Amino acid sequence: MQVTVKCPACNTDSSFFLVKDSLQGPFRCWKCKALFTIKIRNGELEKCDPLAEEAFTKAKADAAAKRKKAKEKTA
């Protein structure tokens, strides 16, 4: 499913594909590099809040640890 997010800072559209119809996590605008937390449900953007650089880095690390743990469970 293709999703488009409009950056609140520069109004640039960013499109990407999702395997599932929901997503919650950090997002960085490709053009202005502004950081946000986004929430997508049923393919629609529900929430887009500003995010500090430190929180963005922590959220990415947490997501990577979660993926690694899930991968270890299936192995």
C-alpha atoms as a PDB file:
ATOM      1  CA  MET A   1       0.000   0.000   0.000  1.00  0.00           C
ATOM      2  CA  GLN A   2       1.430   3.378  -0.993  1.00  0.00           C
ATOM      3  CA  VAL A   3       1.169   6.170   1.580  1.00  0.00           C
ATOM      4  CA  THR A   4       1.874   9.870   1.078  1.00  0.00           C
ATOM      5  CA  VAL A   5       2.851  12.138   3.978  1.00  0.00           C
ATOM      6  CA  LYS A   6       2.931  15.913   3.532  1.00  0.00           C
ATOM      7  CA  CYS A   7       5.691  17.527   5.596  1.00  0.00           C
ATOM      8  CA  PRO A   8       4.164  20.187   7.882  1.00  0.00           C
ATOM      9  CA  ALA A   9       7.412  22.181   7.769  1.00  0.00           C
ATOM     10  CA  CYS A  10       7.953  22.508   3.992  1.00  0.00           C
ATOM     11  CA  ASN A  11       4.740  21.045   2.453  1.00  0.00           C
ATOM     12  CA  THR A  12       6.688  18.480   0.439  1.00  0.00           C
ATOM     13  CA  ASP A  13       5.021  15.129  -0.256  1.00  0.00           C
ATOM     14  CA  SER A  14       6.889  11.967   0.710  1.00  0.00           C
ATOM     15  CA  SER A  15       5.577   8.668  -0.632  1.00  0.00           C
ATOM     16  CA  PHE A  16       6.507   5.202   0.539  1.00  0.00           C
ATOM     17  CA  PHE A  17       5.060   1.710   0.588  1.00  0.00           C
ATOM     18  CA  LEU A  18       3.792  -0.178   3.631  1.00  0.00           C
ATOM     19  CA  VAL A  19       3.360  -3.924   3.924  1.00  0.00           C
ATOM     20  CA  LYS A  20       0.749  -3.458   6.661  1.00  0.00           C
ATOM     21  CA  ASP A  21      -1.920  -0.756   6.726  1.00  0.00           C
ATOM     22  CA  SER A  22      -0.666   0.734  10.012  1.00  0.00           C
ATOM     23  CA  LEU A  23       2.568   2.360  11.144  1.00  0.00           C
ATOM     24  CA  GLN A  24       3.650   4.389  14.136  1.00  0.00           C
ATOM     25  CA  GLY A  25       7.146   5.781  14.476  1.00  0.00           C
ATOM     26  CA  PRO A  26       9.717   8.367  13.479  1.00  0.00           C
ATOM     27  CA  PHE A  27       9.717  10.061  10.077  1.00  0.00           C
ATOM     28  CA  ARG A  28      12.270  12.426   8.504  1.00  0.00           C
ATOM     29  CA  CYS A  29      11.341  14.658   5.577  1.00  0.00           C
ATOM     30  CA  TRP A  30      13.609  13.899   2.625  1.00  0.00           C
ATOM     31  CA  LYS A  31      13.755  17.542   1.588  1.00  0.00           C
ATOM     32  CA  CYS A  32      14.022  19.749   4.693  1.00  0.00           C
ATOM     33  CA  LYS A  33      15.158  16.963   7.092  1.00  0.00           C
ATOM     34  CA  ALA A  34      12.542  17.952   9.698  1.00  0.00           C
ATOM     35  CA  LEU A  35      11.710  15.194  12.186  1.00  0.00           C
ATOM     36  CA  PHE A  36       8.225  13.979  13.119  1.00  0.00           C
ATOM     37  CA  THR A  37       6.422  11.127  14.809  1.00  0.00           C
ATOM     38  CA  ILE A  38       3.766   9.791  12.468  1.00  0.00           C
ATOM     39  CA  LYS A  39       0.843   7.471  13.022  1.00  0.00           C
ATOM     40  CA  ILE A  40      -0.826   5.808  10.041  1.00  0.00           C
ATOM     41  CA  ARG A  41      -3.907   3.640  10.453  1.00  0.00           C
ATOM     42  CA  ASN A  42      -5.840   1.979   7.632  1.00  0.00           C
ATOM     43  CA  GLY A  43      -3.539   3.689   5.148  1.00  0.00           C
ATOM     44  CA  GLU A  44      -4.450   7.205   6.373  1.00  0.00           C
ATOM     45  CA  LEU A  45      -2.201   9.619   8.279  1.00  0.00           C
ATOM     46  CA  GLU A  46      -3.753  10.222  11.705  1.00  0.00           C
ATOM     47  CA  LYS A  47      -0.976  12.053  13.512  1.00  0.00           C
ATOM     48  CA  CYS A  48       2.184  13.987  12.655  1.00  0.00           C
ATOM     49  CA  ASP A  49       3.950  15.655  15.603  1.00  0.00           C
ATOM     50  CA  PRO A  50       7.359  17.393  15.729  1.00  0.00           C
ATOM     51  CA  LEU A  51      10.196  15.293  17.125  1.00  0.00           C
ATOM     52  CA  ALA A  52      13.577  16.281  18.620  1.00  0.00           C
ATOM     53  CA  GLU A  53      16.786  14.791  17.141  1.00  0.00           C
ATOM     54  CA  GLU A  54      17.554  12.886  20.373  1.00  0.00           C
ATOM     55  CA  ALA A  55      14.084  11.351  20.471  1.00  0.00           C
ATOM     56  CA  PHE A  56      14.377  10.427  16.774  1.00  0.00           C
ATOM     57  CA  THR A  57      17.687   8.628  17.381  1.00  0.00           C
ATOM     58  CA  LYS A  58      16.257   6.789  20.399  1.00  0.00           C
ATOM     59  CA  ALA A  59      13.108   5.761  18.495  1.00  0.00           C
ATOM     60  CA  LYS A  60      15.228   4.351  15.639  1.00  0.00           C
ATOM     61  CA  ALA A  61      17.399   2.401  18.105  1.00  0.00           C
ATOM     62  CA  ASP A  62      14.333   1.037  19.913  1.00  0.00           C
ATOM     63  CA  ALA A  63      12.777  -0.074  16.622  1.00  0.00           C
ATOM     64  CA  ALA A  64      16.015  -1.795  15.562  1.00  0.00           C
ATOM     65  CA  ALA A  65      16.215  -3.632  18.900  1.00  0.00           C
ATOM     66  CA  LYS A  66      12.585  -4.727  18.562  1.00  0.00           C
ATOM     67  CA  ARG A  67      13.213  -6.069  15.033  1.00  0.00           C
ATOM     68  CA  LYS A  68      16.325  -7.911  16.205  1.00  0.00           C
ATOM     69  CA  LYS A  69      14.447  -9.505  19.118  1.00  0.00           C
ATOM     70  CA  ALA A  70      11.602 -10.589  16.813  1.00  0.00           C
ATOM     71  CA  LYS A  71      14.088 -12.054  14.345  1.00  0.00           C
ATOM     72  CA  GLU A  72      15.814 -14.036  17.128  1.00  0.00           C
ATOM     73  CA  LYS A  73      12.454 -15.490  18.211  1.00  0.00           C
ATOM     74  CA  THR A  74      11.729 -16.817  14.724  1.00  0.00           C
ATOM     75  CA  ALA A  75      15.215 -18.296  14.272  1.00  0.00           C
END
